[in-house]
Amino acid sequence: MISKIDITEPKFAINGSKQKIFVTAKEGNFVSDNKVLLEKDVKFESSKFIIKTSKVIFDRENQTAFSNAKSKFSAKKAEILAEGFDIYDNGDKIKFFGNSKIILE
């Protein structure tokens, strides 16, 4: 049987000016030379937060990521549940969208 997966257990990093964000998933497929569709247990992890989701388009060249799947952002004193997110500016900015819920501890 031929697998339809280009990458198993893909690992990338977003090198922001303020922090490094490690990106992992169970599966990845190339959409173009620089864009990769990451699926299954997608995780963005830095020293400040973790974002978990099921599906993301990651742009290796521009160091951006976009998801329109349910996402969970966890930080030290806050949690955000959203219908998607956009990581841009080399990982320095994250925008959450859709119905979002913020839980402060």
PDB file of N, CA and C in Angstrom:
ATOM      1  N   MET A   1       0.836  -1.186   0.000  1.00  0.00           N
ATOM      2  CA  MET A   1       0.000   0.000   0.000  1.00  0.00           C
ATOM      3  C   MET A   1       0.883   1.254   0.000  1.00  0.00           C
ATOM      4  N   ILE A   2       0.590   2.194  -0.838  1.00  0.00           N
ATOM      5  CA  ILE A   2       1.359   3.430  -0.929  1.00  0.00           C
ATOM      6  C   ILE A   2       0.714   4.478  -0.019  1.00  0.00           C
ATOM      7  N   SER A   3       1.536   5.073   0.825  1.00  0.00           N
ATOM      8  CA  SER A   3       1.049   6.086   1.760  1.00  0.00           C
ATOM      9  C   SER A   3       0.774   7.390   1.019  1.00  0.00           C
ATOM     10  N   LYS A   4      -0.270   8.089   1.443  1.00  0.00           N
ATOM     11  CA  LYS A   4      -0.586   9.388   0.855  1.00  0.00           C
ATOM     12  C   LYS A   4       0.026  10.523   1.673  1.00  0.00           C
ATOM     13  N   ILE A   5       0.917  10.186   2.581  1.00  0.00           N
ATOM     14  CA  ILE A   5       1.557  11.167   3.449  1.00  0.00           C
ATOM     15  C   ILE A   5       2.962  11.453   2.929  1.00  0.00           C
ATOM     16  N   ASP A   6       3.288  12.751   2.756  1.00  0.00           N
ATOM     17  CA  ASP A   6       4.632  13.133   2.325  1.00  0.00           C
ATOM     18  C   ASP A   6       5.637  13.054   3.469  1.00  0.00           C
ATOM     19  N   ILE A   7       5.204  13.454   4.672  1.00  0.00           N
ATOM     20  CA  ILE A   7       6.106  13.500   5.822  1.00  0.00           C
ATOM     21  C   ILE A   7       5.414  12.850   7.017  1.00  0.00           C
ATOM     22  N   THR A   8       6.109  11.947   7.690  1.00  0.00           N
ATOM     23  CA  THR A   8       5.616  11.369   8.932  1.00  0.00           C
ATOM     24  C   THR A   8       6.357  12.051  10.079  1.00  0.00           C
ATOM     25  N   GLU A   9       5.611  12.454  11.096  1.00  0.00           N
ATOM     26  CA  GLU A   9       6.167  13.160  12.261  1.00  0.00           C
ATOM     27  C   GLU A   9       6.983  14.398  11.848  1.00  0.00           C
ATOM     28  N   PRO A  10       6.397  15.325  11.056  1.00  0.00           N
ATOM     29  CA  PRO A  10       7.147  16.528  10.658  1.00  0.00           C
ATOM     30  C   PRO A  10       7.477  17.418  11.854  1.00  0.00           C
ATOM     31  N   LYS A  11       8.648  18.056  11.784  1.00  0.00           N
ATOM     32  CA  LYS A  11       9.090  18.986  12.831  1.00  0.00           C
ATOM     33  C   LYS A  11       9.673  20.215  12.159  1.00  0.00           C
ATOM     34  N   PHE A  12       9.184  21.396  12.583  1.00  0.00           N
ATOM     35  CA  PHE A  12       9.669  22.660  12.058  1.00  0.00           C
ATOM     36  C   PHE A  12       9.852  23.625  13.224  1.00  0.00           C
ATOM     37  N   ALA A  13      10.387  24.790  12.932  1.00  0.00           N
ATOM     38  CA  ALA A  13      10.507  25.833  13.951  1.00  0.00           C
ATOM     39  C   ALA A  13      10.234  27.183  13.310  1.00  0.00           C
ATOM     40  N   ILE A  14       9.603  28.062  14.089  1.00  0.00           N
ATOM     41  CA  ILE A  14       9.414  29.456  13.697  1.00  0.00           C
ATOM     42  C   ILE A  14      10.372  30.261  14.564  1.00  0.00           C
ATOM     43  N   ASN A  15      11.299  30.941  13.923  1.00  0.00           N
ATOM     44  CA  ASN A  15      12.316  31.688  14.656  1.00  0.00           C
ATOM     45  C   ASN A  15      11.922  33.157  14.774  1.00  0.00           C
ATOM     46  N   GLY A  16      11.125  33.456  15.773  1.00  0.00           N
ATOM     47  CA  GLY A  16      10.683  34.830  16.004  1.00  0.00           C
ATOM     48  C   GLY A  16      11.765  35.645  16.688  1.00  0.00           C
ATOM     49  N   SER A  17      11.581  36.957  16.708  1.00  0.00           N
ATOM     50  CA  SER A  17      12.561  37.818  17.353  1.00  0.00           C
ATOM     51  C   SER A  17      12.508  37.685  18.872  1.00  0.00           C
ATOM     52  N   LYS A  18      11.345  37.270  19.408  1.00  0.00           N
ATOM     53  CA  LYS A  18      11.177  37.181  20.856  1.00  0.00           C
ATOM     54  C   LYS A  18      11.243  35.754  21.385  1.00  0.00           C
ATOM     55  N   GLN A  19      10.974  34.785  20.526  1.00  0.00           N
ATOM     56  CA  GLN A  19      10.965  33.395  20.976  1.00  0.00           C
ATOM     57  C   GLN A  19      11.024  32.446  19.788  1.00  0.00           C
ATOM     58  N   LYS A  20      11.380  31.211  20.081  1.00  0.00           N
ATOM     59  CA  LYS A  20      11.387  30.158  19.068  1.00  0.00           C
ATOM     60  C   LYS A  20      10.164  29.284  19.324  1.00  0.00           C
ATOM     61  N   ILE A  21       9.401  29.006  18.262  1.00  0.00           N
ATOM     62  CA  ILE A  21       8.209  28.171  18.379  1.00  0.00           C
ATOM     63  C   ILE A  21       8.467  26.867  17.633  1.00  0.00           C
ATOM     64  N   PHE A  22       8.373  25.756  18.345  1.00  0.00           N
ATOM     65  CA  PHE A  22       8.565  24.445  17.726  1.00  0.00           C
ATOM     66  C   PHE A  22       7.226  23.922  17.249  1.00  0.00           C
ATOM     67  N   VAL A  23       7.199  23.414  16.020  1.00  0.00           N
ATOM     68  CA  VAL A  23       5.972  22.952  15.382  1.00  0.00           C
ATOM     69  C   VAL A  23       6.102  21.455  15.105  1.00  0.00           C
ATOM     70  N   THR A  24       5.144  20.665  15.605  1.00  0.00           N
ATOM     71  CA  THR A  24       5.159  19.220  15.371  1.00  0.00           C
ATOM     72  C   THR A  24       3.760  18.753  14.965  1.00  0.00           C
ATOM     73  N   ALA A  25       3.708  17.608  14.294  1.00  0.00           N
ATOM     74  CA  ALA A  25       2.439  16.995  13.898  1.00  0.00           C
ATOM     75  C   ALA A  25       2.686  15.514  13.654  1.00  0.00           C
ATOM     76  N   LYS A  26       1.624  14.779  13.464  1.00  0.00           N
ATOM     77  CA  LYS A  26       1.751  13.349  13.127  1.00  0.00           C
ATOM     78  C   LYS A  26       1.982  13.158  11.627  1.00  0.00           C
ATOM     79  N   GLU A  27       1.330  14.038  10.803  1.00  0.00           N
ATOM     80  CA  GLU A  27       1.422  13.880   9.353  1.00  0.00           C
ATOM     81  C   GLU A  27       1.585  15.234   8.670  1.00  0.00           C
ATOM     82  N   GLY A  28       2.218  15.224   7.507  1.00  0.00           N
ATOM     83  CA  GLY A  28       2.360  16.438   6.721  1.00  0.00           C
ATOM     84  C   GLY A  28       2.353  16.134   5.241  1.00  0.00           C
ATOM     85  N   ASN A  29       1.764  17.036   4.464  1.00  0.00           N
ATOM     86  CA  ASN A  29       1.744  16.913   3.009  1.00  0.00           C
ATOM     87  C   ASN A  29       2.126  18.248   2.388  1.00  0.00           C
ATOM     88  N   PHE A  30       3.020  18.212   1.408  1.00  0.00           N
ATOM     89  CA  PHE A  30       3.424  19.434   0.728  1.00  0.00           C
ATOM     90  C   PHE A  30       2.283  19.944  -0.138  1.00  0.00           C
ATOM     91  N   VAL A  31       1.925  21.225   0.035  1.00  0.00           N
ATOM     92  CA  VAL A  31       0.919  21.877  -0.794  1.00  0.00           C
ATOM     93  C   VAL A  31       1.643  22.591  -1.930  1.00  0.00           C
ATOM     94  N   SER A  32       2.838  23.120  -1.632  1.00  0.00           N
ATOM     95  CA  SER A  32       3.723  23.744  -2.614  1.00  0.00           C
ATOM     96  C   SER A  32       5.145  23.576  -2.083  1.00  0.00           C
ATOM     97  N   ASP A  33       6.120  24.224  -2.708  1.00  0.00           N
ATOM     98  CA  ASP A  33       7.507  24.081  -2.260  1.00  0.00           C
ATOM     99  C   ASP A  33       7.695  24.490  -0.803  1.00  0.00           C
ATOM    100  N   ASN A  34       7.014  25.549  -0.376  1.00  0.00           N
ATOM    101  CA  ASN A  34       7.210  26.063   0.976  1.00  0.00           C
ATOM    102  C   ASN A  34       6.044  25.846   1.919  1.00  0.00           C
ATOM    103  N   LYS A  35       4.874  25.494   1.380  1.00  0.00           N
ATOM    104  CA  LYS A  35       3.699  25.312   2.237  1.00  0.00           C
ATOM    105  C   LYS A  35       3.443  23.836   2.497  1.00  0.00           C
ATOM    106  N   VAL A  36       3.187  23.543   3.788  1.00  0.00           N
ATOM    107  CA  VAL A  36       2.951  22.167   4.209  1.00  0.00           C
ATOM    108  C   VAL A  36       1.635  22.117   4.983  1.00  0.00           C
ATOM    109  N   LEU A  37       0.776  21.174   4.620  1.00  0.00           N
ATOM    110  CA  LEU A  37      -0.448  20.928   5.372  1.00  0.00           C
ATOM    111  C   LEU A  37      -0.091  19.959   6.491  1.00  0.00           C
ATOM    112  N   LEU A  38      -0.206  20.416   7.734  1.00  0.00           N
ATOM    113  CA  LEU A  38       0.077  19.583   8.902  1.00  0.00           C
ATOM    114  C   LEU A  38      -1.248  19.097   9.475  1.00  0.00           C
ATOM    115  N   GLU A  39      -1.306  17.797   9.791  1.00  0.00           N
ATOM    116  CA  GLU A  39      -2.537  17.223  10.322  1.00  0.00           C
ATOM    117  C   GLU A  39      -2.246  16.261  11.461  1.00  0.00           C
ATOM    118  N   LYS A  40      -3.244  16.062  12.298  1.00  0.00           N
ATOM    119  CA  LYS A  40      -3.237  15.131  13.418  1.00  0.00           C
ATOM    120  C   LYS A  40      -2.256  15.557  14.513  1.00  0.00           C
ATOM    121  N   ASP A  41      -2.809  15.929  15.640  1.00  0.00           N
ATOM    122  CA  ASP A  41      -2.025  16.338  16.821  1.00  0.00           C
ATOM    123  C   ASP A  41      -0.995  17.417  16.500  1.00  0.00           C
ATOM    124  N   VAL A  42      -1.441  18.474  15.842  1.00  0.00           N
ATOM    125  CA  VAL A  42      -0.545  19.579  15.501  1.00  0.00           C
ATOM    126  C   VAL A  42      -0.308  20.405  16.761  1.00  0.00           C
ATOM    127  N   LYS A  43       0.961  20.694  17.049  1.00  0.00           N
ATOM    128  CA  LYS A  43       1.301  21.431  18.258  1.00  0.00           C
ATOM    129  C   LYS A  43       2.334  22.512  17.949  1.00  0.00           C
ATOM    130  N   PHE A  44       2.068  23.722  18.458  1.00  0.00           N
ATOM    131  CA  PHE A  44       3.007  24.840  18.410  1.00  0.00           C
ATOM    132  C   PHE A  44       3.425  25.072  19.854  1.00  0.00           C
ATOM    133  N   GLU A  45       4.728  24.975  20.126  1.00  0.00           N
ATOM    134  CA  GLU A  45       5.173  25.069  21.512  1.00  0.00           C
ATOM    135  C   GLU A  45       6.371  25.997  21.642  1.00  0.00           C
ATOM    136  N   SER A  46       6.241  26.955  22.578  1.00  0.00           N
ATOM    137  CA  SER A  46       7.347  27.853  22.897  1.00  0.00           C
ATOM    138  C   SER A  46       7.535  27.822  24.409  1.00  0.00           C
ATOM    139  N   SER A  47       8.454  28.631  24.901  1.00  0.00           N
ATOM    140  CA  SER A  47       8.651  28.687  26.348  1.00  0.00           C
ATOM    141  C   SER A  47       7.495  29.409  27.037  1.00  0.00           C
ATOM    142  N   LYS A  48       6.637  30.091  26.262  1.00  0.00           N
ATOM    143  CA  LYS A  48       5.548  30.882  26.830  1.00  0.00           C
ATOM    144  C   LYS A  48       4.162  30.279  26.633  1.00  0.00           C
ATOM    145  N   PHE A  49       3.974  29.418  25.624  1.00  0.00           N
ATOM    146  CA  PHE A  49       2.627  28.907  25.340  1.00  0.00           C
ATOM    147  C   PHE A  49       2.677  27.615  24.532  1.00  0.00           C
ATOM    148  N   ILE A  50       1.497  26.979  24.433  1.00  0.00           N
ATOM    149  CA  ILE A  50       1.281  25.807  23.573  1.00  0.00           C
ATOM    150  C   ILE A  50      -0.047  26.034  22.843  1.00  0.00           C
ATOM    151  N   ILE A  51      -0.065  25.766  21.545  1.00  0.00           N
ATOM    152  CA  ILE A  51      -1.317  25.762  20.782  1.00  0.00           C
ATOM    153  C   ILE A  51      -1.474  24.362  20.205  1.00  0.00           C
ATOM    154  N   LYS A  52      -2.666  23.776  20.410  1.00  0.00           N
ATOM    155  CA  LYS A  52      -2.962  22.451  19.861  1.00  0.00           C
ATOM    156  C   LYS A  52      -4.148  22.576  18.918  1.00  0.00           C
ATOM    157  N   THR A  53      -4.053  21.885  17.781  1.00  0.00           N
ATOM    158  CA  THR A  53      -5.134  21.867  16.796  1.00  0.00           C
ATOM    159  C   THR A  53      -5.010  20.607  15.954  1.00  0.00           C
ATOM    160  N   SER A  54      -5.890  20.463  14.965  1.00  0.00           N
ATOM    161  CA  SER A  54      -5.873  19.246  14.146  1.00  0.00           C
ATOM    162  C   SER A  54      -5.367  19.463  12.727  1.00  0.00           C
ATOM    163  N   LYS A  55      -5.377  20.733  12.261  1.00  0.00           N
ATOM    164  CA  LYS A  55      -5.028  20.981  10.862  1.00  0.00           C
ATOM    165  C   LYS A  55      -4.490  22.399  10.692  1.00  0.00           C
ATOM    166  N   VAL A  56      -3.323  22.537  10.035  1.00  0.00           N
ATOM    167  CA  VAL A  56      -2.663  23.835   9.865  1.00  0.00           C
ATOM    168  C   VAL A  56      -1.965  23.879   8.509  1.00  0.00           C
ATOM    169  N   ILE A  57      -1.975  25.044   7.871  1.00  0.00           N
ATOM    170  CA  ILE A  57      -1.107  25.280   6.715  1.00  0.00           C
ATOM    171  C   ILE A  57       0.098  26.052   7.245  1.00  0.00           C
ATOM    172  N   PHE A  58       1.276  25.460   7.146  1.00  0.00           N
ATOM    173  CA  PHE A  58       2.507  26.083   7.633  1.00  0.00           C
ATOM    174  C   PHE A  58       3.346  26.521   6.443  1.00  0.00           C
ATOM    175  N   ASP A  59       3.738  27.784   6.430  1.00  0.00           N
ATOM    176  CA  ASP A  59       4.570  28.338   5.366  1.00  0.00           C
ATOM    177  C   ASP A  59       6.003  28.434   5.886  1.00  0.00           C
ATOM    178  N   ARG A  60       6.857  27.554   5.399  1.00  0.00           N
ATOM    179  CA  ARG A  60       8.243  27.478   5.887  1.00  0.00           C
ATOM    180  C   ARG A  60       9.043  28.728   5.532  1.00  0.00           C
ATOM    181  N   GLU A  61       8.825  29.276   4.355  1.00  0.00           N
ATOM    182  CA  GLU A  61       9.600  30.437   3.909  1.00  0.00           C
ATOM    183  C   GLU A  61       9.227  31.704   4.678  1.00  0.00           C
ATOM    184  N   ASN A  62       7.921  31.951   4.826  1.00  0.00           N
ATOM    185  CA  ASN A  62       7.464  33.171   5.494  1.00  0.00           C
ATOM    186  C   ASN A  62       7.310  33.021   6.999  1.00  0.00           C
ATOM    187  N   GLN A  63       7.533  31.791   7.508  1.00  0.00           N
ATOM    188  CA  GLN A  63       7.431  31.520   8.945  1.00  0.00           C
ATOM    189  C   GLN A  63       6.054  31.911   9.482  1.00  0.00           C
ATOM    190  N   THR A  64       4.994  31.470   8.777  1.00  0.00           N
ATOM    191  CA  THR A  64       3.626  31.743   9.195  1.00  0.00           C
ATOM    192  C   THR A  64       2.843  30.438   9.280  1.00  0.00           C
ATOM    193  N   ALA A  65       1.704  30.493   9.976  1.00  0.00           N
ATOM    194  CA  ALA A  65       0.835  29.328  10.083  1.00  0.00           C
ATOM    195  C   ALA A  65      -0.607  29.811  10.150  1.00  0.00           C
ATOM    196  N   PHE A  66      -1.504  29.054   9.514  1.00  0.00           N
ATOM    197  CA  PHE A  66      -2.919  29.414   9.475  1.00  0.00           C
ATOM    198  C   PHE A  66      -3.752  28.159   9.697  1.00  0.00           C
ATOM    199  N   SER A  67      -4.755  28.280  10.565  1.00  0.00           N
ATOM    200  CA  SER A  67      -5.657  27.159  10.807  1.00  0.00           C
ATOM    201  C   SER A  67      -7.083  27.665  10.927  1.00  0.00           C
ATOM    202  N   ASN A  68      -8.026  26.917  10.347  1.00  0.00           N
ATOM    203  CA  ASN A  68      -9.436  27.222  10.563  1.00  0.00           C
ATOM    204  C   ASN A  68     -10.107  26.050  11.276  1.00  0.00           C
ATOM    205  N   ALA A  69      -9.285  25.304  12.035  1.00  0.00           N
ATOM    206  CA  ALA A  69      -9.788  24.193  12.839  1.00  0.00           C
ATOM    207  C   ALA A  69      -9.827  24.625  14.310  1.00  0.00           C
ATOM    208  N   LYS A  70     -10.672  23.987  15.085  1.00  0.00           N
ATOM    209  CA  LYS A  70     -10.737  24.308  16.509  1.00  0.00           C
ATOM    210  C   LYS A  70      -9.347  24.218  17.113  1.00  0.00           C
ATOM    211  N   SER A  71      -9.022  25.231  17.935  1.00  0.00           N
ATOM    212  CA  SER A  71      -7.679  25.345  18.484  1.00  0.00           C
ATOM    213  C   SER A  71      -7.748  25.667  19.965  1.00  0.00           C
ATOM    214  N   LYS A  72      -6.715  25.206  20.685  1.00  0.00           N
ATOM    215  CA  LYS A  72      -6.620  25.494  22.112  1.00  0.00           C
ATOM    216  C   LYS A  72      -5.252  26.095  22.395  1.00  0.00           C
ATOM    217  N   PHE A  73      -5.254  27.341  22.888  1.00  0.00           N
ATOM    218  CA  PHE A  73      -4.041  28.053  23.272  1.00  0.00           C
ATOM    219  C   PHE A  73      -3.941  27.964  24.790  1.00  0.00           C
ATOM    220  N   SER A  74      -2.794  27.522  25.293  1.00  0.00           N
ATOM    221  CA  SER A  74      -2.591  27.441  26.744  1.00  0.00           C
ATOM    222  C   SER A  74      -1.317  28.183  27.110  1.00  0.00           C
ATOM    223  N   ALA A  75      -1.441  29.088  28.085  1.00  0.00           N
ATOM    224  CA  ALA A  75      -0.292  29.805  28.626  1.00  0.00           C
ATOM    225  C   ALA A  75      -0.361  29.699  30.147  1.00  0.00           C
ATOM    226  N   LYS A  76       0.582  30.338  30.818  1.00  0.00           N
ATOM    227  CA  LYS A  76       0.677  30.210  32.269  1.00  0.00           C
ATOM    228  C   LYS A  76      -0.629  30.566  32.988  1.00  0.00           C
ATOM    229  N   LYS A  77      -1.258  31.699  32.649  1.00  0.00           N
ATOM    230  CA  LYS A  77      -2.451  32.130  33.375  1.00  0.00           C
ATOM    231  C   LYS A  77      -3.654  32.353  32.475  1.00  0.00           C
ATOM    232  N   ALA A  78      -3.621  31.792  31.263  1.00  0.00           N
ATOM    233  CA  ALA A  78      -4.749  31.998  30.348  1.00  0.00           C
ATOM    234  C   ALA A  78      -4.899  30.821  29.389  1.00  0.00           C
ATOM    235  N   GLU A  79      -6.131  30.657  28.941  1.00  0.00           N
ATOM    236  CA  GLU A  79      -6.435  29.632  27.948  1.00  0.00           C
ATOM    237  C   GLU A  79      -7.400  30.271  26.947  1.00  0.00           C
ATOM    238  N   ILE A  80      -7.179  30.003  25.656  1.00  0.00           N
ATOM    239  CA  ILE A  80      -8.072  30.522  24.623  1.00  0.00           C
ATOM    240  C   ILE A  80      -8.542  29.351  23.771  1.00  0.00           C
ATOM    241  N   LEU A  81      -9.845  29.216  23.650  1.00  0.00           N
ATOM    242  CA  LEU A  81     -10.443  28.228  22.761  1.00  0.00           C
ATOM    243  C   LEU A  81     -10.992  29.015  21.577  1.00  0.00           C
ATOM    244  N   ALA A  82     -10.567  28.672  20.358  1.00  0.00           N
ATOM    245  CA  ALA A  82     -10.962  29.433  19.177  1.00  0.00           C
ATOM    246  C   ALA A  82     -11.281  28.502  18.016  1.00  0.00           C
ATOM    247  N   GLU A  83     -11.876  29.086  16.969  1.00  0.00           N
ATOM    248  CA  GLU A  83     -12.201  28.313  15.769  1.00  0.00           C
ATOM    249  C   GLU A  83     -11.080  28.366  14.748  1.00  0.00           C
ATOM    250  N   GLY A  84      -9.971  28.996  15.100  1.00  0.00           N
ATOM    251  CA  GLY A  84      -8.823  29.060  14.213  1.00  0.00           C
ATOM    252  C   GLY A  84      -7.866  30.130  14.662  1.00  0.00           C
ATOM    253  N   PHE A  85      -6.720  30.197  13.991  1.00  0.00           N
ATOM    254  CA  PHE A  85      -5.717  31.194  14.334  1.00  0.00           C
ATOM    255  C   PHE A  85      -4.812  31.470  13.151  1.00  0.00           C
ATOM    256  N   ASP A  86      -4.082  32.568  13.262  1.00  0.00           N
ATOM    257  CA  ASP A  86      -3.118  32.984  12.250  1.00  0.00           C
ATOM    258  C   ASP A  86      -1.858  33.414  12.996  1.00  0.00           C
ATOM    259  N   ILE A  87      -0.753  32.750  12.749  1.00  0.00           N
ATOM    260  CA  ILE A  87       0.535  33.140  13.330  1.00  0.00           C
ATOM    261  C   ILE A  87       1.306  33.843  12.219  1.00  0.00           C
ATOM    262  N   TYR A  88       1.738  35.072  12.490  1.00  0.00           N
ATOM    263  CA  TYR A  88       2.445  35.849  11.474  1.00  0.00           C
ATOM    264  C   TYR A  88       3.524  36.699  12.136  1.00  0.00           C
ATOM    265  N   ASP A  89       4.208  37.515  11.350  1.00  0.00           N
ATOM    266  CA  ASP A  89       5.313  38.337  11.849  1.00  0.00           C
ATOM    267  C   ASP A  89       6.390  37.459  12.496  1.00  0.00           C
ATOM    268  N   ASN A  90       6.772  36.376  11.805  1.00  0.00           N
ATOM    269  CA  ASN A  90       7.770  35.424  12.311  1.00  0.00           C
ATOM    270  C   ASN A  90       7.422  34.887  13.693  1.00  0.00           C
ATOM    271  N   GLY A  91       6.131  34.654  13.937  1.00  0.00           N
ATOM    272  CA  GLY A  91       5.712  34.081  15.204  1.00  0.00           C
ATOM    273  C   GLY A  91       5.533  35.099  16.319  1.00  0.00           C
ATOM    274  N   ASP A  92       5.783  36.363  16.048  1.00  0.00           N
ATOM    275  CA  ASP A  92       5.643  37.382  17.089  1.00  0.00           C
ATOM    276  C   ASP A  92       4.183  37.770  17.331  1.00  0.00           C
ATOM    277  N   LYS A  93       3.292  37.479  16.368  1.00  0.00           N
ATOM    278  CA  LYS A  93       1.883  37.845  16.519  1.00  0.00           C
ATOM    279  C   LYS A  93       0.992  36.643  16.218  1.00  0.00           C
ATOM    280  N   ILE A  94      -0.060  36.505  17.032  1.00  0.00           N
ATOM    281  CA  ILE A  94      -1.044  35.439  16.839  1.00  0.00           C
ATOM    282  C   ILE A  94      -2.423  36.078  16.903  1.00  0.00           C
ATOM    283  N   LYS A  95      -3.228  35.810  15.891  1.00  0.00           N
ATOM    284  CA  LYS A  95      -4.602  36.314  15.863  1.00  0.00           C
ATOM    285  C   LYS A  95      -5.526  35.101  15.927  1.00  0.00           C
ATOM    286  N   PHE A  96      -6.490  35.134  16.861  1.00  0.00           N
ATOM    287  CA  PHE A  96      -7.485  34.069  16.978  1.00  0.00           C
ATOM    288  C   PHE A  96      -8.779  34.577  16.362  1.00  0.00           C
ATOM    289  N   PHE A  97      -9.558  33.689  15.743  1.00  0.00           N
ATOM    290  CA  PHE A  97     -10.796  34.126  15.134  1.00  0.00           C
ATOM    291  C   PHE A  97     -11.903  33.096  15.289  1.00  0.00           C
ATOM    292  N   GLY A  98     -13.110  33.496  14.856  1.00  0.00           N
ATOM    293  CA  GLY A  98     -14.284  32.674  15.054  1.00  0.00           C
ATOM    294  C   GLY A  98     -14.800  32.873  16.479  1.00  0.00           C
ATOM    295  N   ASN A  99     -15.714  32.040  16.883  1.00  0.00           N
ATOM    296  CA  ASN A  99     -16.182  32.099  18.261  1.00  0.00           C
ATOM    297  C   ASN A  99     -15.020  31.709  19.156  1.00  0.00           C
ATOM    298  N   SER A 100     -14.610  32.624  20.019  1.00  0.00           N
ATOM    299  CA  SER A 100     -13.469  32.391  20.886  1.00  0.00           C
ATOM    300  C   SER A 100     -13.874  32.559  22.336  1.00  0.00           C
ATOM    301  N   LYS A 101     -13.240  31.797  23.193  1.00  0.00           N
ATOM    302  CA  LYS A 101     -13.501  31.849  24.624  1.00  0.00           C
ATOM    303  C   LYS A 101     -12.178  32.003  25.333  1.00  0.00           C
ATOM    304  N   ILE A 102     -12.076  33.012  26.207  1.00  0.00           N
ATOM    305  CA  ILE A 102     -10.849  33.244  26.957  1.00  0.00           C
ATOM    306  C   ILE A 102     -11.118  32.879  28.418  1.00  0.00           C
ATOM    307  N   ILE A 103     -10.242  32.082  28.986  1.00  0.00           N
ATOM    308  CA  ILE A 103     -10.352  31.679  30.386  1.00  0.00           C
ATOM    309  C   ILE A 103      -9.097  32.177  31.106  1.00  0.00           C
ATOM    310  N   LEU A 104      -9.291  33.089  32.058  1.00  0.00           N
ATOM    311  CA  LEU A 104      -8.173  33.625  32.826  1.00  0.00           C
ATOM    312  C   LEU A 104      -8.124  32.944  34.193  1.00  0.00           C
ATOM    313  N   GLU A 105      -6.918  32.615  34.620  1.00  0.00           N
ATOM    314  CA  GLU A 105      -6.777  31.942  35.939  1.00  0.00           C
ATOM    315  C   GLU A 105      -6.384  32.933  37.002  1.00  0.00           C
TER     316      GLU A 105
END
